Amino acid sequence: MTEAAFVEPVFAAGLALAFAAGAAAGAAHLAMLWRSTRALTAGRESPLRFALGGLVRPAATAGMAAGALALGAGAWELAAGAVGFGAARLAATGWARRGGAGTGSARRGGAGGGGEA
């Protein structure tokens, strides 16, 4: 087996792993955001705690990127992770728009409607 024949599958596997890690990080970030937003609107969370979460979530995401760099990730792996993070965001926003997990619009009977008769 030539060196080039070995490097390409390893490179592709590294990109796939970085994409999956980025998607997992994005899903975790958005799940925390979803939870804290729901708690804030229900009156179960203080605005200060919500604001602190706004600092913690990006810091955790930056920490994951720093960890990837410490493990030897290069520019391609970081880009694949960012694309994975973006894919998770697109999936989550599409899910929420369709009324996932009891969004307010689904309970009120449609997108943007207040349910008033």
Protein backbone atom coordinates (compact mmCIF):
# COMPACT_ATOMS: atom_id res chain seq x y z
CA MET A 1 0.00 0.00 0.00
CA THR A 2 1.40 3.36 -0.95
CA GLU A 3 1.60 6.20 1.47
CA ALA A 4 -0.91 8.29 -0.50
CA ALA A 5 -3.44 5.42 -0.49
CA PHE A 6 -3.22 5.30 3.31
CA VAL A 7 -3.27 9.04 3.97
CA GLU A 8 -6.49 9.83 2.07
CA PRO A 9 -8.77 7.45 4.04
CA VAL A 10 -7.21 8.58 7.33
CA PHE A 11 -7.71 12.23 6.33
CA ALA A 12 -11.32 11.55 5.35
CA ALA A 13 -11.93 9.68 8.60
CA GLY A 14 -10.48 12.60 10.55
CA LEU A 15 -12.78 15.02 8.75
CA ALA A 16 -15.80 12.79 9.39
CA LEU A 17 -14.89 12.57 13.07
CA ALA A 18 -14.43 16.34 13.26
CA PHE A 19 -17.81 16.87 11.56
CA ALA A 20 -19.48 14.50 14.05
CA ALA A 21 -17.78 16.18 17.00
CA GLY A 22 -18.85 19.60 15.74
CA ALA A 23 -22.42 18.37 15.28
CA ALA A 24 -22.41 16.95 18.81
CA ALA A 25 -21.03 20.22 20.20
CA GLY A 26 -23.67 22.16 18.27
CA ALA A 27 -26.43 19.89 19.53
CA ALA A 28 -25.23 20.28 23.13
CA HIS A 29 -24.94 24.06 22.75
CA LEU A 30 -28.44 24.35 21.29
CA ALA A 31 -29.96 21.97 23.84
CA MET A 32 -28.59 24.13 26.65
CA LEU A 33 -29.92 27.24 24.91
CA TRP A 34 -33.33 25.62 24.39
CA ARG A 35 -33.54 24.53 28.02
CA SER A 36 -32.56 27.90 29.44
CA THR A 37 -34.87 29.80 27.07
CA ARG A 38 -37.81 27.60 28.01
CA ALA A 39 -37.02 28.04 31.72
CA LEU A 40 -36.70 31.82 31.31
CA THR A 41 -40.02 32.19 29.51
CA ALA A 42 -41.74 29.97 32.09
CA GLY A 43 -40.39 32.12 34.92
CA ARG A 44 -38.20 29.36 36.36
CA GLU A 45 -34.89 31.04 35.58
CA SER A 46 -33.59 34.49 36.41
CA PRO A 47 -32.46 36.79 33.61
CA LEU A 48 -29.02 36.93 35.25
CA ARG A 49 -28.64 33.16 35.07
CA PHE A 50 -29.79 33.24 31.44
CA ALA A 51 -27.16 35.90 30.69
CA LEU A 52 -24.46 33.83 32.41
CA GLY A 53 -25.48 30.90 30.23
CA GLY A 54 -24.89 33.20 27.28
CA LEU A 55 -21.27 33.40 28.38
CA VAL A 56 -20.84 29.75 29.35
CA ARG A 57 -22.16 28.24 26.09
CA PRO A 58 -19.70 30.05 23.79
CA ALA A 59 -16.87 29.48 26.27
CA ALA A 60 -17.59 25.74 26.24
CA THR A 61 -17.66 25.76 22.45
CA ALA A 62 -14.34 27.63 22.32
CA GLY A 63 -12.94 25.16 24.84
CA MET A 64 -13.90 22.28 22.58
CA ALA A 65 -12.15 23.96 19.66
CA ALA A 66 -9.08 24.54 21.84
CA GLY A 67 -9.17 20.88 22.84
CA ALA A 68 -9.29 19.87 19.20
CA LEU A 69 -6.25 22.05 18.51
CA ALA A 70 -4.44 20.52 21.48
CA LEU A 71 -5.16 17.07 20.01
CA GLY A 72 -3.54 18.14 16.75
CA ALA A 73 -6.51 19.20 14.64
CA GLY A 74 -5.62 21.32 11.66
CA ALA A 75 -7.53 23.87 9.65
CA TRP A 76 -9.47 21.24 7.69
CA GLU A 77 -10.61 19.49 10.85
CA LEU A 78 -11.65 22.77 12.46
CA ALA A 79 -13.57 23.69 9.32
CA ALA A 80 -15.30 20.30 9.31
CA GLY A 81 -16.22 20.79 12.96
CA ALA A 82 -17.64 24.22 12.21
CA VAL A 83 -19.69 22.78 9.35
CA GLY A 84 -20.96 20.06 11.71
CA PHE A 85 -21.90 22.71 14.27
CA GLY A 86 -23.76 24.63 11.57
CA ALA A 87 -25.53 21.49 10.40
CA ALA A 88 -26.74 20.86 13.96
CA ARG A 89 -28.03 24.42 14.11
CA LEU A 90 -29.92 24.03 10.84
CA ALA A 91 -31.41 20.74 12.00
CA ALA A 92 -32.42 22.19 15.38
CA THR A 93 -34.03 25.31 13.94
CA GLY A 94 -35.92 23.24 11.38
CA TRP A 95 -37.10 20.93 14.15
CA ALA A 96 -38.23 23.86 16.30
CA ARG A 97 -40.10 25.46 13.39
CA ARG A 98 -41.98 22.21 12.84
CA GLY A 99 -43.13 22.33 16.47
CA GLY A 100 -40.64 19.99 18.10
CA ALA A 101 -40.78 19.32 21.86
CA GLY A 102 -43.85 21.40 22.56
CA THR A 103 -42.81 24.76 21.18
CA GLY A 104 -45.12 27.60 21.96
CA SER A 105 -46.34 27.91 18.37
CA ALA A 106 -47.44 24.27 18.27
CA ARG A 107 -49.48 24.67 21.47
CA ARG A 108 -51.11 27.84 20.18
CA GLY A 109 -52.21 26.23 16.96
CA GLY A 110 -49.73 27.38 14.37
CA ALA A 111 -46.72 29.44 13.53
CA GLY A 112 -46.87 32.93 14.93
CA GLY A 113 -50.49 32.67 16.05
CA GLY A 114 -51.50 33.64 19.51
CA GLY A 115 -54.45 31.27 19.57
CA GLU A 116 -56.92 34.07 20.13
CA ALA A 117 -60.38 33.49 18.68
